[in-house]
Amino acid sequence: METGRHRKQRAFRLGLVVAVAISCLLSLGLAEIGARLLLPAPWYLEDGESSWPPFMKRRVGAAVEYLRAGMEAPAPEDAYRILFLGDSFTYGVGVDESQTFVSRIVTRLNEGPPNEGFREHIAFNGGIPGSLTGSWKGLHEAAQELFQPHLVVVVFFLRDGQIGAGSTTAVRKMKERLRELHGSSFLFQHSYLYRQLFVRPLIREVGKEYLSTMADGYFGPPARTQEWKRAQSNVLAMRDRAEEHGAKFVMVIFPVLFDLGPDYPLRNVVDVIADFARSNDIQTLSLLPAYTGHEASELWLSSFDQHPNERGHAIAADAIHPLVARLVAHDPNPLPAAPLAPEAGD
C-alpha cells in the first residue's frame, strides 16, 4: 500500500521530470529563436543562375586575354609595381573592381607608411577567368616587358592544377538534395536549428563526388595528374623569369570555399601544393586558415556560384596584405620604369 511519503516522492520525481522537460523545451525554443535571428534564410531555395558581367579582351603586348584592364601606358617610374596572376578568383568575377582583394591590398599599401624610393604602389590584376597556369605564363612574359613588376604574386586556386573539376555542377547537386529534404521533412522545412545541425553533414555527403574529383587531379592516376605536373613546370618557369629580372615571387593558395570546418576535406591538396612551393624555395601563403570556421555559403556570390563575394575578397585581402606589405618594405632597389606598351593592333 502506497504511503503518503511514497506519494510525495513519486510526485516530486514527476515534477522534476516535467520541470526538466519544460526547461529543455524552453532552451530549444530560445535556440530556435536565436537561429532565426542570426542565421540566413535557406540559400538552397534561391532561384536563378549566376549572372556574370560581360568580359572584355584586353591587350598586354602580344597577349590578349579577358582582363580587368589592358596595359597601354608605361608604369610610373616611382611606383612600386605588383603583378597578380591567377584565374577568375583573382579577376574578381561578380565583384566591383574596387572590392577585389587585389584592389583592397593596393589601397591599404598606399594608406600605410611611405615606402622609401617609391611615391605609390600600383598593381596589375592579371586574373584571367577560366584560365590555367599556361595562360598565366604567357601573360607574365608580356607583362614582364611592359610592366616590369617588382613583385609577382601567383594566386593558385585548387582547381588550377587540374581539368574538369568545376564547382557549378556540385553546387547544383547539393541544392537539389537539400530542396528534396526541405519538401519531405517537416522539421527540416520549419526549424532553422534543425537545419543547422543537419545541413553540414549533408553538404559533405553531396559534395563527396566533387571533392573526390578535385583530389584525384593531384593524387590520382598519371592521366589525371598531367595538368598538375604542367602547373608545377609553369610556376617554376614564372619564378625563374621573375628572379632573372630582379623581381620577388610569391605564391598564394586559395582553397575551395566548401565545408570550411576544422576537418577541411581538401587539406591534403592544399598541403601538396604548399609542399611543392616550399621545396622549390617559393615563399607561400595558404588562405585556408583565414577561411576556416566561416560558413562557406555566406562567402559565395550566390547559391549557384562559389566565387567569393565581397566578404570573401575582404578575408583574402586581410590575409595577403601583411605578406605583401612585408615584401614591399624590404625591397630597397627600384626597377627602371616600364616602357610604353605598343598601341592596340600593333
C-alpha atoms as a PDB file:
ATOM      1  CA  MET A   1       0.000   0.000   0.000  1.00  0.00           C
ATOM      2  CA  GLU A   2       1.359   3.374  -1.051  1.00  0.00           C
ATOM      3  CA  THR A   3       2.088   5.628   1.867  1.00  0.00           C
ATOM      4  CA  GLY A   4       1.925   9.397   1.911  1.00  0.00           C
ATOM      5  CA  ARG A   5       5.683   9.504   1.855  1.00  0.00           C
ATOM      6  CA  HIS A   6       5.832   7.386  -1.290  1.00  0.00           C
ATOM      7  CA  ARG A   7       3.208   9.544  -2.970  1.00  0.00           C
ATOM      8  CA  LYS A   8       5.226  12.652  -2.176  1.00  0.00           C
ATOM      9  CA  GLN A   9       8.400  11.068  -3.582  1.00  0.00           C
ATOM     10  CA  ARG A  10       6.602   9.994  -6.761  1.00  0.00           C
ATOM     11  CA  ALA A  11       5.071  13.459  -7.148  1.00  0.00           C
ATOM     12  CA  PHE A  12       8.486  15.026  -6.612  1.00  0.00           C
ATOM     13  CA  ARG A  13      10.080  12.800  -9.282  1.00  0.00           C
ATOM     14  CA  LEU A  14       7.264  13.517 -11.699  1.00  0.00           C
ATOM     15  CA  GLY A  15       7.546  17.235 -11.027  1.00  0.00           C
ATOM     16  CA  LEU A  16      11.290  17.068 -11.579  1.00  0.00           C
ATOM     17  CA  VAL A  17      10.832  15.277 -14.917  1.00  0.00           C
ATOM     18  CA  VAL A  18       8.230  17.849 -16.001  1.00  0.00           C
ATOM     19  CA  ALA A  19      10.495  20.717 -14.933  1.00  0.00           C
ATOM     20  CA  VAL A  20      13.431  19.264 -16.854  1.00  0.00           C
ATOM     21  CA  ALA A  21      11.231  18.687 -19.907  1.00  0.00           C
ATOM     22  CA  ILE A  22       9.877  22.244 -19.765  1.00  0.00           C
ATOM     23  CA  SER A  23      13.423  23.590 -19.324  1.00  0.00           C
ATOM     24  CA  CYS A  24      14.618  21.618 -22.346  1.00  0.00           C
ATOM     25  CA  LEU A  25      11.698  22.825 -24.439  1.00  0.00           C
ATOM     26  CA  LEU A  26      12.323  26.434 -23.401  1.00  0.00           C
ATOM     27  CA  SER A  27      16.028  26.064 -24.215  1.00  0.00           C
ATOM     28  CA  LEU A  28      15.221  24.599 -27.617  1.00  0.00           C
ATOM     29  CA  GLY A  29      12.709  27.363 -28.215  1.00  0.00           C
ATOM     30  CA  LEU A  30      15.236  30.051 -27.337  1.00  0.00           C
ATOM     31  CA  ALA A  31      17.858  28.341 -29.510  1.00  0.00           C
ATOM     32  CA  GLU A  32      15.384  28.238 -32.401  1.00  0.00           C
ATOM     33  CA  ILE A  33      14.596  31.948 -31.969  1.00  0.00           C
ATOM     34  CA  GLY A  34      18.308  32.714 -31.891  1.00  0.00           C
ATOM     35  CA  ALA A  35      18.878  30.657 -35.024  1.00  0.00           C
ATOM     36  CA  ARG A  36      16.114  32.507 -36.858  1.00  0.00           C
ATOM     37  CA  LEU A  37      17.590  35.863 -35.833  1.00  0.00           C
ATOM     38  CA  LEU A  38      21.209  35.017 -36.626  1.00  0.00           C
ATOM     39  CA  LEU A  39      21.100  32.513 -39.475  1.00  0.00           C
ATOM     40  CA  PRO A  40      20.228  33.423 -43.065  1.00  0.00           C
ATOM     41  CA  ALA A  41      17.231  32.029 -44.889  1.00  0.00           C
ATOM     42  CA  PRO A  42      17.878  28.717 -46.686  1.00  0.00           C
ATOM     43  CA  TRP A  43      20.243  29.595 -49.526  1.00  0.00           C
ATOM     44  CA  TYR A  44      19.322  26.466 -51.483  1.00  0.00           C
ATOM     45  CA  LEU A  45      15.766  27.769 -52.038  1.00  0.00           C
ATOM     46  CA  GLU A  46      17.001  30.722 -54.097  1.00  0.00           C
ATOM     47  CA  ASP A  47      16.114  30.637 -57.770  1.00  0.00           C
ATOM     48  CA  GLY A  48      18.108  31.843 -60.739  1.00  0.00           C
ATOM     49  CA  GLU A  49      21.585  31.339 -62.098  1.00  0.00           C
ATOM     50  CA  SER A  50      24.771  33.282 -61.653  1.00  0.00           C
ATOM     51  CA  SER A  51      24.967  36.477 -63.664  1.00  0.00           C
ATOM     52  CA  TRP A  52      28.483  37.454 -64.649  1.00  0.00           C
ATOM     53  CA  PRO A  53      29.217  40.768 -66.333  1.00  0.00           C
ATOM     54  CA  PRO A  54      30.460  40.510 -69.915  1.00  0.00           C
ATOM     55  CA  PHE A  55      34.218  40.005 -70.122  1.00  0.00           C
ATOM     56  CA  MET A  56      36.329  42.222 -72.362  1.00  0.00           C
ATOM     57  CA  LYS A  57      39.525  41.157 -74.074  1.00  0.00           C
ATOM     58  CA  ARG A  58      42.467  43.378 -73.155  1.00  0.00           C
ATOM     59  CA  ARG A  59      45.886  43.664 -74.734  1.00  0.00           C
ATOM     60  CA  VAL A  60      49.158  43.241 -72.869  1.00  0.00           C
ATOM     61  CA  GLY A  61      51.822  43.340 -75.535  1.00  0.00           C
ATOM     62  CA  ALA A  62      51.176  40.423 -77.850  1.00  0.00           C
ATOM     63  CA  ALA A  63      48.982  38.699 -75.267  1.00  0.00           C
ATOM     64  CA  VAL A  64      45.214  39.246 -75.494  1.00  0.00           C
ATOM     65  CA  GLU A  65      43.183  37.900 -72.575  1.00  0.00           C
ATOM     66  CA  TYR A  66      39.972  38.523 -70.649  1.00  0.00           C
ATOM     67  CA  LEU A  67      41.399  41.003 -68.148  1.00  0.00           C
ATOM     68  CA  ARG A  68      40.163  43.817 -65.931  1.00  0.00           C
ATOM     69  CA  ALA A  69      42.280  46.297 -67.886  1.00  0.00           C
ATOM     70  CA  GLY A  70      44.799  46.468 -70.689  1.00  0.00           C
ATOM     71  CA  MET A  71      48.362  47.687 -70.427  1.00  0.00           C
ATOM     72  CA  GLU A  72      48.871  50.530 -72.865  1.00  0.00           C
ATOM     73  CA  ALA A  73      50.857  53.058 -70.833  1.00  0.00           C
ATOM     74  CA  PRO A  74      54.180  52.911 -69.003  1.00  0.00           C
ATOM     75  CA  ALA A  75      54.063  52.423 -65.267  1.00  0.00           C
ATOM     76  CA  PRO A  76      55.279  55.442 -63.308  1.00  0.00           C
ATOM     77  CA  GLU A  77      58.981  55.280 -62.579  1.00  0.00           C
ATOM     78  CA  ASP A  78      58.477  55.996 -58.900  1.00  0.00           C
ATOM     79  CA  ALA A  79      55.723  53.373 -58.431  1.00  0.00           C
ATOM     80  CA  TYR A  80      56.235  50.029 -56.751  1.00  0.00           C
ATOM     81  CA  ARG A  81      54.684  47.596 -59.235  1.00  0.00           C
ATOM     82  CA  ILE A  82      52.937  44.365 -58.232  1.00  0.00           C
ATOM     83  CA  LEU A  83      51.696  41.807 -60.750  1.00  0.00           C
ATOM     84  CA  PHE A  84      48.939  39.419 -59.624  1.00  0.00           C
ATOM     85  CA  LEU A  85      48.420  36.285 -61.721  1.00  0.00           C
ATOM     86  CA  GLY A  86      45.564  33.816 -61.365  1.00  0.00           C
ATOM     87  CA  ASP A  87      42.121  32.812 -62.575  1.00  0.00           C
ATOM     88  CA  SER A  88      38.590  34.172 -62.026  1.00  0.00           C
ATOM     89  CA  PHE A  89      39.086  34.287 -58.242  1.00  0.00           C
ATOM     90  CA  THR A  90      41.883  36.826 -58.778  1.00  0.00           C
ATOM     91  CA  TYR A  91      39.949  38.646 -61.509  1.00  0.00           C
ATOM     92  CA  GLY A  92      37.059  39.037 -59.061  1.00  0.00           C
ATOM     93  CA  VAL A  93      34.141  37.724 -61.081  1.00  0.00           C
ATOM     94  CA  GLY A  94      30.877  39.334 -59.992  1.00  0.00           C
ATOM     95  CA  VAL A  95      32.598  41.841 -57.681  1.00  0.00           C
ATOM     96  CA  ASP A  96      33.287  45.504 -58.329  1.00  0.00           C
ATOM     97  CA  GLU A  97      36.950  46.061 -59.107  1.00  0.00           C
ATOM     98  CA  SER A  98      37.434  48.235 -56.035  1.00  0.00           C
ATOM     99  CA  GLN A  99      36.265  45.336 -53.837  1.00  0.00           C
ATOM    100  CA  THR A 100      38.615  42.661 -55.184  1.00  0.00           C
ATOM    101  CA  PHE A 101      41.417  41.560 -52.898  1.00  0.00           C
ATOM    102  CA  VAL A 102      43.912  42.956 -55.421  1.00  0.00           C
ATOM    103  CA  SER A 103      42.482  46.486 -55.181  1.00  0.00           C
ATOM    104  CA  ARG A 104      41.968  46.253 -51.421  1.00  0.00           C
ATOM    105  CA  ILE A 105      45.618  45.311 -50.877  1.00  0.00           C
ATOM    106  CA  VAL A 106      46.955  48.170 -53.014  1.00  0.00           C
ATOM    107  CA  THR A 107      44.645  50.660 -51.300  1.00  0.00           C
ATOM    108  CA  ARG A 108      45.975  49.592 -47.899  1.00  0.00           C
ATOM    109  CA  LEU A 109      49.582  49.827 -49.080  1.00  0.00           C
ATOM    110  CA  ASN A 110      49.021  53.392 -50.246  1.00  0.00           C
ATOM    111  CA  GLU A 111      47.272  54.299 -46.988  1.00  0.00           C
ATOM    112  CA  GLY A 112      50.153  52.883 -44.939  1.00  0.00           C
ATOM    113  CA  PRO A 113      53.646  54.180 -44.237  1.00  0.00           C
ATOM    114  CA  PRO A 114      55.507  55.509 -47.309  1.00  0.00           C
ATOM    115  CA  ASN A 115      57.955  53.172 -48.977  1.00  0.00           C
ATOM    116  CA  GLU A 116      61.389  54.725 -49.397  1.00  0.00           C
ATOM    117  CA  GLY A 117      62.168  55.286 -53.060  1.00  0.00           C
ATOM    118  CA  PHE A 118      58.559  54.995 -54.241  1.00  0.00           C
ATOM    119  CA  ARG A 119      55.746  57.524 -54.419  1.00  0.00           C
ATOM    120  CA  GLU A 120      52.945  54.947 -54.637  1.00  0.00           C
ATOM    121  CA  HIS A 121      52.110  51.287 -55.074  1.00  0.00           C
ATOM    122  CA  ILE A 122      50.271  50.043 -58.137  1.00  0.00           C
ATOM    123  CA  ALA A 123      49.070  46.585 -59.128  1.00  0.00           C
ATOM    124  CA  PHE A 124      48.075  44.925 -62.355  1.00  0.00           C
ATOM    125  CA  ASN A 125      45.258  42.394 -61.953  1.00  0.00           C
ATOM    126  CA  GLY A 126      46.301  39.556 -64.233  1.00  0.00           C
ATOM    127  CA  GLY A 127      43.442  37.263 -63.223  1.00  0.00           C
ATOM    128  CA  ILE A 128      42.067  35.508 -66.320  1.00  0.00           C
ATOM    129  CA  PRO A 129      38.616  33.881 -65.904  1.00  0.00           C
ATOM    130  CA  GLY A 130      38.572  30.190 -66.762  1.00  0.00           C
ATOM    131  CA  SER A 131      42.349  30.024 -67.172  1.00  0.00           C
ATOM    132  CA  LEU A 132      45.079  27.627 -66.113  1.00  0.00           C
ATOM    133  CA  THR A 133      48.745  28.278 -65.464  1.00  0.00           C
ATOM    134  CA  GLY A 134      49.747  28.140 -69.137  1.00  0.00           C
ATOM    135  CA  SER A 135      47.802  31.361 -69.749  1.00  0.00           C
ATOM    136  CA  TRP A 136      49.396  32.993 -66.706  1.00  0.00           C
ATOM    137  CA  LYS A 137      52.834  32.160 -68.019  1.00  0.00           C
ATOM    138  CA  GLY A 138      52.116  33.861 -71.357  1.00  0.00           C
ATOM    139  CA  LEU A 139      50.670  36.917 -69.652  1.00  0.00           C
ATOM    140  CA  HIS A 140      53.619  37.082 -67.277  1.00  0.00           C
ATOM    141  CA  GLU A 141      56.060  37.133 -70.186  1.00  0.00           C
ATOM    142  CA  ALA A 142      54.243  40.048 -71.797  1.00  0.00           C
ATOM    143  CA  ALA A 143      53.727  41.929 -68.517  1.00  0.00           C
ATOM    144  CA  GLN A 144      57.376  41.468 -67.572  1.00  0.00           C
ATOM    145  CA  GLU A 145      58.444  43.562 -70.539  1.00  0.00           C
ATOM    146  CA  LEU A 146      55.737  46.215 -70.226  1.00  0.00           C
ATOM    147  CA  PHE A 147      55.027  46.444 -66.507  1.00  0.00           C
ATOM    148  CA  GLN A 148      58.379  45.304 -65.073  1.00  0.00           C
ATOM    149  CA  PRO A 149      56.972  44.235 -61.709  1.00  0.00           C
ATOM    150  CA  HIS A 150      58.963  44.414 -58.513  1.00  0.00           C
ATOM    151  CA  LEU A 151      56.792  41.658 -57.066  1.00  0.00           C
ATOM    152  CA  VAL A 152      54.890  38.811 -58.748  1.00  0.00           C
ATOM    153  CA  VAL A 153      52.063  37.181 -56.781  1.00  0.00           C
ATOM    154  CA  VAL A 154      50.680  33.916 -58.201  1.00  0.00           C
ATOM    155  CA  VAL A 155      47.270  33.109 -56.707  1.00  0.00           C
ATOM    156  CA  PHE A 156      46.760  29.367 -57.139  1.00  0.00           C
ATOM    157  CA  PHE A 157      43.178  28.162 -56.685  1.00  0.00           C
ATOM    158  CA  LEU A 158      42.888  24.418 -56.063  1.00  0.00           C
ATOM    159  CA  ARG A 159      41.130  23.936 -59.403  1.00  0.00           C
ATOM    160  CA  ASP A 160      44.118  25.381 -61.257  1.00  0.00           C
ATOM    161  CA  GLY A 161      46.080  22.135 -61.025  1.00  0.00           C
ATOM    162  CA  GLN A 162      43.597  20.069 -62.997  1.00  0.00           C
ATOM    163  CA  ILE A 163      40.946  19.952 -65.679  1.00  0.00           C
ATOM    164  CA  GLY A 164      37.260  19.125 -65.285  1.00  0.00           C
ATOM    165  CA  ALA A 165      36.557  19.834 -61.622  1.00  0.00           C
ATOM    166  CA  GLY A 166      34.267  22.858 -61.760  1.00  0.00           C
ATOM    167  CA  SER A 167      32.110  23.561 -58.743  1.00  0.00           C
ATOM    168  CA  THR A 168      28.890  24.589 -60.532  1.00  0.00           C
ATOM    169  CA  THR A 169      27.661  21.013 -61.007  1.00  0.00           C
ATOM    170  CA  ALA A 170      28.477  20.091 -57.409  1.00  0.00           C
ATOM    171  CA  VAL A 171      26.589  23.086 -56.032  1.00  0.00           C
ATOM    172  CA  ARG A 172      23.578  22.293 -58.221  1.00  0.00           C
ATOM    173  CA  LYS A 173      23.501  18.683 -56.950  1.00  0.00           C
ATOM    174  CA  MET A 174      23.745  19.935 -53.391  1.00  0.00           C
ATOM    175  CA  LYS A 175      20.812  22.290 -53.897  1.00  0.00           C
ATOM    176  CA  GLU A 176      18.655  19.567 -55.420  1.00  0.00           C
ATOM    177  CA  ARG A 177      19.262  17.226 -52.475  1.00  0.00           C
ATOM    178  CA  LEU A 178      18.573  19.915 -49.874  1.00  0.00           C
ATOM    179  CA  ARG A 179      15.400  21.018 -51.667  1.00  0.00           C
ATOM    180  CA  GLU A 180      14.140  17.431 -51.659  1.00  0.00           C
ATOM    181  CA  LEU A 181      14.757  17.189 -47.937  1.00  0.00           C
ATOM    182  CA  HIS A 182      13.131  20.576 -47.378  1.00  0.00           C
ATOM    183  CA  GLY A 183       9.964  19.319 -49.044  1.00  0.00           C
ATOM    184  CA  SER A 184       9.833  15.933 -47.327  1.00  0.00           C
ATOM    185  CA  SER A 185      10.855  16.747 -43.744  1.00  0.00           C
ATOM    186  CA  PHE A 186       8.637  18.902 -41.525  1.00  0.00           C
ATOM    187  CA  LEU A 187      11.474  19.696 -39.117  1.00  0.00           C
ATOM    188  CA  PHE A 188      13.908  20.486 -41.895  1.00  0.00           C
ATOM    189  CA  GLN A 189      11.359  22.796 -43.507  1.00  0.00           C
ATOM    190  CA  HIS A 190      10.332  24.724 -40.383  1.00  0.00           C
ATOM    191  CA  SER A 191      13.268  24.622 -37.964  1.00  0.00           C
ATOM    192  CA  TYR A 192      16.353  26.745 -38.571  1.00  0.00           C
ATOM    193  CA  LEU A 193      18.084  24.990 -35.669  1.00  0.00           C
ATOM    194  CA  TYR A 194      17.399  21.525 -37.086  1.00  0.00           C
ATOM    195  CA  ARG A 195      18.748  22.585 -40.468  1.00  0.00           C
ATOM    196  CA  GLN A 196      21.892  23.995 -38.892  1.00  0.00           C
ATOM    197  CA  LEU A 197      22.532  20.663 -37.171  1.00  0.00           C
ATOM    198  CA  PHE A 198      21.970  18.523 -40.269  1.00  0.00           C
ATOM    199  CA  VAL A 199      22.881  20.587 -43.326  1.00  0.00           C
ATOM    200  CA  ARG A 200      26.638  20.382 -42.789  1.00  0.00           C
ATOM    201  CA  PRO A 201      26.871  16.559 -42.926  1.00  0.00           C
ATOM    202  CA  LEU A 202      24.518  16.576 -45.908  1.00  0.00           C
ATOM    203  CA  ILE A 203      26.768  19.056 -47.689  1.00  0.00           C
ATOM    204  CA  ARG A 204      29.701  16.744 -47.042  1.00  0.00           C
ATOM    205  CA  GLU A 205      27.773  13.824 -48.496  1.00  0.00           C
ATOM    206  CA  VAL A 206      26.540  15.658 -51.581  1.00  0.00           C
ATOM    207  CA  GLY A 207      29.954  17.210 -52.233  1.00  0.00           C
ATOM    208  CA  LYS A 208      31.871  13.957 -51.868  1.00  0.00           C
ATOM    209  CA  GLU A 209      31.978  13.301 -55.602  1.00  0.00           C
ATOM    210  CA  TYR A 210      33.159  16.837 -56.373  1.00  0.00           C
ATOM    211  CA  LEU A 211      35.849  16.717 -53.705  1.00  0.00           C
ATOM    212  CA  SER A 212      36.961  13.292 -54.881  1.00  0.00           C
ATOM    213  CA  THR A 213      37.346  14.600 -58.424  1.00  0.00           C
ATOM    214  CA  MET A 214      39.321  17.570 -57.138  1.00  0.00           C
ATOM    215  CA  ALA A 215      41.693  15.403 -55.108  1.00  0.00           C
ATOM    216  CA  ASP A 216      42.045  12.965 -57.997  1.00  0.00           C
ATOM    217  CA  GLY A 217      43.770  15.674 -60.038  1.00  0.00           C
ATOM    218  CA  TYR A 218      46.626  15.667 -57.516  1.00  0.00           C
ATOM    219  CA  PHE A 219      46.721  12.087 -56.213  1.00  0.00           C
ATOM    220  CA  GLY A 220      45.043  10.066 -58.974  1.00  0.00           C
ATOM    221  CA  PRO A 221      46.492   8.056 -61.868  1.00  0.00           C
ATOM    222  CA  PRO A 222      49.014   9.685 -64.236  1.00  0.00           C
ATOM    223  CA  ALA A 223      46.342  10.562 -66.793  1.00  0.00           C
ATOM    224  CA  ARG A 224      44.524  12.652 -64.175  1.00  0.00           C
ATOM    225  CA  THR A 225      47.589  14.408 -62.760  1.00  0.00           C
ATOM    226  CA  GLN A 226      49.051  15.707 -66.030  1.00  0.00           C
ATOM    227  CA  GLU A 227      47.717  19.232 -65.525  1.00  0.00           C
ATOM    228  CA  TRP A 228      49.195  19.413 -62.035  1.00  0.00           C
ATOM    229  CA  LYS A 229      52.577  18.452 -63.487  1.00  0.00           C
ATOM    230  CA  ARG A 230      52.222  21.168 -66.139  1.00  0.00           C
ATOM    231  CA  ALA A 231      51.194  23.642 -63.462  1.00  0.00           C
ATOM    232  CA  GLN A 232      54.334  22.927 -61.455  1.00  0.00           C
ATOM    233  CA  SER A 233      56.504  23.438 -64.517  1.00  0.00           C
ATOM    234  CA  ASN A 234      54.734  26.707 -65.393  1.00  0.00           C
ATOM    235  CA  VAL A 235      55.007  28.080 -61.862  1.00  0.00           C
ATOM    236  CA  LEU A 236      58.733  27.314 -61.761  1.00  0.00           C
ATOM    237  CA  ALA A 237      59.210  28.992 -65.155  1.00  0.00           C
ATOM    238  CA  MET A 238      57.432  32.115 -63.892  1.00  0.00           C
ATOM    239  CA  ARG A 239      59.525  32.119 -60.742  1.00  0.00           C
ATOM    240  CA  ASP A 240      62.746  31.838 -62.729  1.00  0.00           C
ATOM    241  CA  ARG A 241      61.749  34.609 -65.113  1.00  0.00           C
ATOM    242  CA  ALA A 242      60.778  36.919 -62.256  1.00  0.00           C
ATOM    243  CA  GLU A 243      64.040  36.324 -60.422  1.00  0.00           C
ATOM    244  CA  GLU A 244      66.063  36.844 -63.611  1.00  0.00           C
ATOM    245  CA  HIS A 245      64.581  40.341 -63.785  1.00  0.00           C
ATOM    246  CA  GLY A 246      65.166  41.091 -60.122  1.00  0.00           C
ATOM    247  CA  ALA A 247      61.542  40.675 -59.042  1.00  0.00           C
ATOM    248  CA  LYS A 248      60.329  38.863 -55.951  1.00  0.00           C
ATOM    249  CA  PHE A 249      57.992  35.918 -56.430  1.00  0.00           C
ATOM    250  CA  VAL A 250      55.417  34.536 -54.012  1.00  0.00           C
ATOM    251  CA  MET A 251      52.549  32.065 -54.222  1.00  0.00           C
ATOM    252  CA  VAL A 252      49.151  32.264 -52.523  1.00  0.00           C
ATOM    253  CA  ILE A 253      46.999  29.129 -52.236  1.00  0.00           C
ATOM    254  CA  PHE A 254      43.261  29.814 -52.499  1.00  0.00           C
ATOM    255  CA  PRO A 255      41.108  26.946 -51.137  1.00  0.00           C
ATOM    256  CA  VAL A 256      37.775  25.774 -52.482  1.00  0.00           C
ATOM    257  CA  LEU A 257      35.131  27.591 -50.431  1.00  0.00           C
ATOM    258  CA  PHE A 258      33.361  24.445 -49.317  1.00  0.00           C
ATOM    259  CA  ASP A 259      32.909  22.855 -45.874  1.00  0.00           C
ATOM    260  CA  LEU A 260      35.395  25.201 -44.159  1.00  0.00           C
ATOM    261  CA  GLY A 261      35.460  23.424 -40.819  1.00  0.00           C
ATOM    262  CA  PRO A 262      38.478  22.080 -38.921  1.00  0.00           C
ATOM    263  CA  ASP A 263      38.268  18.857 -40.969  1.00  0.00           C
ATOM    264  CA  TYR A 264      38.540  20.603 -44.334  1.00  0.00           C
ATOM    265  CA  PRO A 265      38.194  17.767 -46.882  1.00  0.00           C
ATOM    266  CA  LEU A 266      40.826  19.104 -49.301  1.00  0.00           C
ATOM    267  CA  ARG A 267      43.518  19.877 -46.753  1.00  0.00           C
ATOM    268  CA  ASN A 268      45.746  17.233 -48.352  1.00  0.00           C
ATOM    269  CA  VAL A 269      45.514  19.098 -51.679  1.00  0.00           C
ATOM    270  CA  VAL A 270      46.436  22.396 -50.011  1.00  0.00           C
ATOM    271  CA  ASP A 271      49.359  20.630 -48.334  1.00  0.00           C
ATOM    272  CA  VAL A 272      50.723  19.083 -51.531  1.00  0.00           C
ATOM    273  CA  ILE A 273      50.634  22.460 -53.318  1.00  0.00           C
ATOM    274  CA  ALA A 274      52.358  24.130 -50.359  1.00  0.00           C
ATOM    275  CA  ASP A 275      54.962  21.350 -50.185  1.00  0.00           C
ATOM    276  CA  PHE A 276      55.760  21.811 -53.886  1.00  0.00           C
ATOM    277  CA  ALA A 277      56.208  25.561 -53.452  1.00  0.00           C
ATOM    278  CA  ARG A 278      58.323  25.357 -50.322  1.00  0.00           C
ATOM    279  CA  SER A 279      60.523  22.572 -51.699  1.00  0.00           C
ATOM    280  CA  ASN A 280      61.328  24.943 -54.570  1.00  0.00           C
ATOM    281  CA  ASP A 281      62.091  27.902 -52.272  1.00  0.00           C
ATOM    282  CA  ILE A 282      58.900  29.763 -53.212  1.00  0.00           C
ATOM    283  CA  GLN A 283      57.522  31.814 -50.342  1.00  0.00           C
ATOM    284  CA  THR A 284      53.972  30.586 -49.894  1.00  0.00           C
ATOM    285  CA  LEU A 285      50.819  31.654 -48.086  1.00  0.00           C
ATOM    286  CA  SER A 286      47.806  29.384 -47.676  1.00  0.00           C
ATOM    287  CA  LEU A 287      44.474  31.181 -47.236  1.00  0.00           C
ATOM    288  CA  LEU A 288      42.868  28.105 -45.671  1.00  0.00           C
ATOM    289  CA  PRO A 289      43.478  29.241 -42.058  1.00  0.00           C
ATOM    290  CA  ALA A 290      41.875  32.623 -42.841  1.00  0.00           C
ATOM    291  CA  TYR A 291      38.707  30.939 -44.141  1.00  0.00           C
ATOM    292  CA  THR A 292      38.487  28.119 -41.588  1.00  0.00           C
ATOM    293  CA  GLY A 293      35.413  28.469 -39.395  1.00  0.00           C
ATOM    294  CA  HIS A 294      33.420  30.589 -41.835  1.00  0.00           C
ATOM    295  CA  GLU A 295      30.136  29.388 -43.305  1.00  0.00           C
ATOM    296  CA  ALA A 296      31.148  28.733 -46.906  1.00  0.00           C
ATOM    297  CA  SER A 297      27.808  29.618 -48.496  1.00  0.00           C
ATOM    298  CA  GLU A 298      27.956  33.087 -46.912  1.00  0.00           C
ATOM    299  CA  LEU A 299      31.142  33.793 -48.896  1.00  0.00           C
ATOM    300  CA  TRP A 300      29.709  32.818 -52.305  1.00  0.00           C
ATOM    301  CA  LEU A 301      28.404  35.185 -54.945  1.00  0.00           C
ATOM    302  CA  SER A 302      25.171  33.213 -54.883  1.00  0.00           C
ATOM    303  CA  SER A 303      23.873  29.745 -54.175  1.00  0.00           C
ATOM    304  CA  PHE A 304      24.759  28.886 -57.772  1.00  0.00           C
ATOM    305  CA  ASP A 305      28.220  30.401 -57.768  1.00  0.00           C
ATOM    306  CA  GLN A 306      31.117  29.535 -55.479  1.00  0.00           C
ATOM    307  CA  HIS A 307      33.248  32.510 -56.479  1.00  0.00           C
ATOM    308  CA  PRO A 308      33.994  34.735 -53.479  1.00  0.00           C
ATOM    309  CA  ASN A 309      31.713  37.681 -52.857  1.00  0.00           C
ATOM    310  CA  GLU A 310      32.891  40.982 -51.339  1.00  0.00           C
ATOM    311  CA  ARG A 311      33.204  39.410 -47.902  1.00  0.00           C
ATOM    312  CA  GLY A 312      35.236  36.547 -49.356  1.00  0.00           C
ATOM    313  CA  HIS A 313      37.572  39.036 -51.059  1.00  0.00           C
ATOM    314  CA  ALA A 314      37.900  41.047 -47.836  1.00  0.00           C
ATOM    315  CA  ILE A 315      39.058  37.935 -45.960  1.00  0.00           C
ATOM    316  CA  ALA A 316      41.625  37.194 -48.666  1.00  0.00           C
ATOM    317  CA  ALA A 317      42.888  40.792 -48.597  1.00  0.00           C
ATOM    318  CA  ASP A 318      43.230  40.707 -44.798  1.00  0.00           C
ATOM    319  CA  ALA A 319      45.390  37.577 -45.062  1.00  0.00           C
ATOM    320  CA  ILE A 320      47.536  38.561 -48.070  1.00  0.00           C
ATOM    321  CA  HIS A 321      48.198  42.206 -47.197  1.00  0.00           C
ATOM    322  CA  PRO A 322      50.688  41.582 -44.333  1.00  0.00           C
ATOM    323  CA  LEU A 323      52.825  39.333 -46.564  1.00  0.00           C
ATOM    324  CA  VAL A 324      52.853  41.807 -49.456  1.00  0.00           C
ATOM    325  CA  ALA A 325      53.499  44.759 -47.136  1.00  0.00           C
ATOM    326  CA  ARG A 326      56.480  42.975 -45.610  1.00  0.00           C
ATOM    327  CA  LEU A 327      57.953  42.155 -49.015  1.00  0.00           C
ATOM    328  CA  VAL A 328      57.373  45.688 -50.293  1.00  0.00           C
ATOM    329  CA  ALA A 329      59.010  47.248 -47.239  1.00  0.00           C
ATOM    330  CA  HIS A 330      62.150  45.161 -47.651  1.00  0.00           C
ATOM    331  CA  ASP A 331      62.676  45.896 -51.337  1.00  0.00           C
ATOM    332  CA  PRO A 332      65.363  48.603 -51.470  1.00  0.00           C
ATOM    333  CA  ASN A 333      66.096  48.543 -55.202  1.00  0.00           C
ATOM    334  CA  PRO A 334      63.637  50.323 -57.507  1.00  0.00           C
ATOM    335  CA  LEU A 335      63.494  48.864 -61.002  1.00  0.00           C
ATOM    336  CA  PRO A 336      63.581  51.119 -64.076  1.00  0.00           C
ATOM    337  CA  ALA A 337      60.303  52.449 -65.417  1.00  0.00           C
ATOM    338  CA  ALA A 338      58.326  50.134 -67.652  1.00  0.00           C
ATOM    339  CA  PRO A 339      58.463  51.087 -71.354  1.00  0.00           C
ATOM    340  CA  LEU A 340      55.497  52.336 -73.317  1.00  0.00           C
ATOM    341  CA  ALA A 341      53.326  49.455 -74.466  1.00  0.00           C
ATOM    342  CA  PRO A 342      52.515  49.205 -78.194  1.00  0.00           C
ATOM    343  CA  GLU A 343      49.193  50.534 -79.327  1.00  0.00           C
ATOM    344  CA  ALA A 344      46.393  48.012 -79.741  1.00  0.00           C
ATOM    345  CA  GLY A 345      46.655  46.458 -83.165  1.00  0.00           C
ATOM    346  CA  ASP A 346      50.454  46.901 -83.488  1.00  0.00           C
END
